[in-house]
Amino acid sequence: MKYKHLGKCGVNVSELCLGTMFFGSQVNEATSIELIKKAYDQGINFVDTANVYVQGKSEEIVGKAIKGMRDDIVLATKVRHRMGEGPNDEGLSRKHILKAVEDSLKRLDTDYIDIYYVHRPSNARDFRTGILSPPIPLKETLSALTDLVRTGKVRYIGCSNFPAWHLCEALWTSDKYDLENFVVVQPPYNILQREIEREIIPLCVDQGIGIVSYSPLAGGILTGKYKLGSPPPIGSRGEINPMFFKRPGLKWEDAESQKIMKGLKDLSKELNISMAQLALAWLKAQPALTAPIIAASNMKQLEENLAVTTINLRKEDLEHINELVPLLGPYIT
């Protein structure tokens, strides 16, 4: 396992981050703990969760799993989404952030959080209604996060799902008011979703911000398990949560997508690796990326993902993938 600086800050994280979104739901507690310990034994020191994952259950499981190795783990969790029925039980107000962090610390059974992400902007669109809620001033949000860092409850702060303009506004706000800066971003990024190459990646490279991407397999599409003319596999994300694919416009049934998938499948066969390993190896080869977040629901999947640390794509492999799915940026100026 290789380790990298998280952007320009001093902490070192493994080149793969273990995600725990389904721990406590699709993955039971015993298996979840086993997976976290196995990942740690194989060199992963970076674990990602969120308070909203299974309404706190994921955080509780992570807290149990890392007991006895807490100081060796770089632990990340998030704040933003609804965690109760009250009018202040969601969002990025000072009131909600300070309540949410105490709840997360309790569930995680720890005194501090290494990386505390703002899960989405305060006025993120509600995809059910299309309504944008009124934004919370960034100064209020960043001031609350700064207090958490300066009191030792949080080590570093980051943001997830921020567009480039909003990230830039946050950096400007921090600079103007002498507040803590976001040191890491967490956007979706994979072979099929390359939008961050336009502005997010150039901005992060310029400002020395780490990039820890999620959805490396595009919700499972890049494993090749979704077939033309067939319903999503039972138990897959496509069956359980089809909205996951509709929001970013991910497709697998149109002719262009099938052409791409065939090209990736042929390349994975040529390299004698799985399609999932090809997708992760491609991410590992992106120089601006700190770490992709991997997921696993069983030990076989985890071992398959961990094997990518030994897989290095050739220049011609990367060029071939760019022919199948062209580079999206940066903007030409």
Foldseek 3Di string as FASTA:
>chain_A
DDWDAQFPDDDIFDQAEAEQLCDVPLFDLVQSLVLVVVCVVLPGQHYEEECPRVNNPSLLSQLVSCVPPVVSHQYEYEFADANDDDPLRGFQALVNVVVVLVVSCVSSVHQAHAEYEHEEFRQDADPVVRGTDDGDDLLRNQVSVQVCCVVHRYVAYAYEPDDQVVLVVNQVSCVVVVTGHHQEYEYADWLQDQVCQAHVLVVCVVVRHAYAYEPLCVQVVQQVQDDAPDQHDPPGCCVVPVVSCVVVVNDCHDPLNVVLSVLLCVVCVVVVAGSSLVGLLLVSPPVRHRHYHDYDSHPVRSVSNSVSVVDHDDPVVNVSSCVSPNNDDHDDD
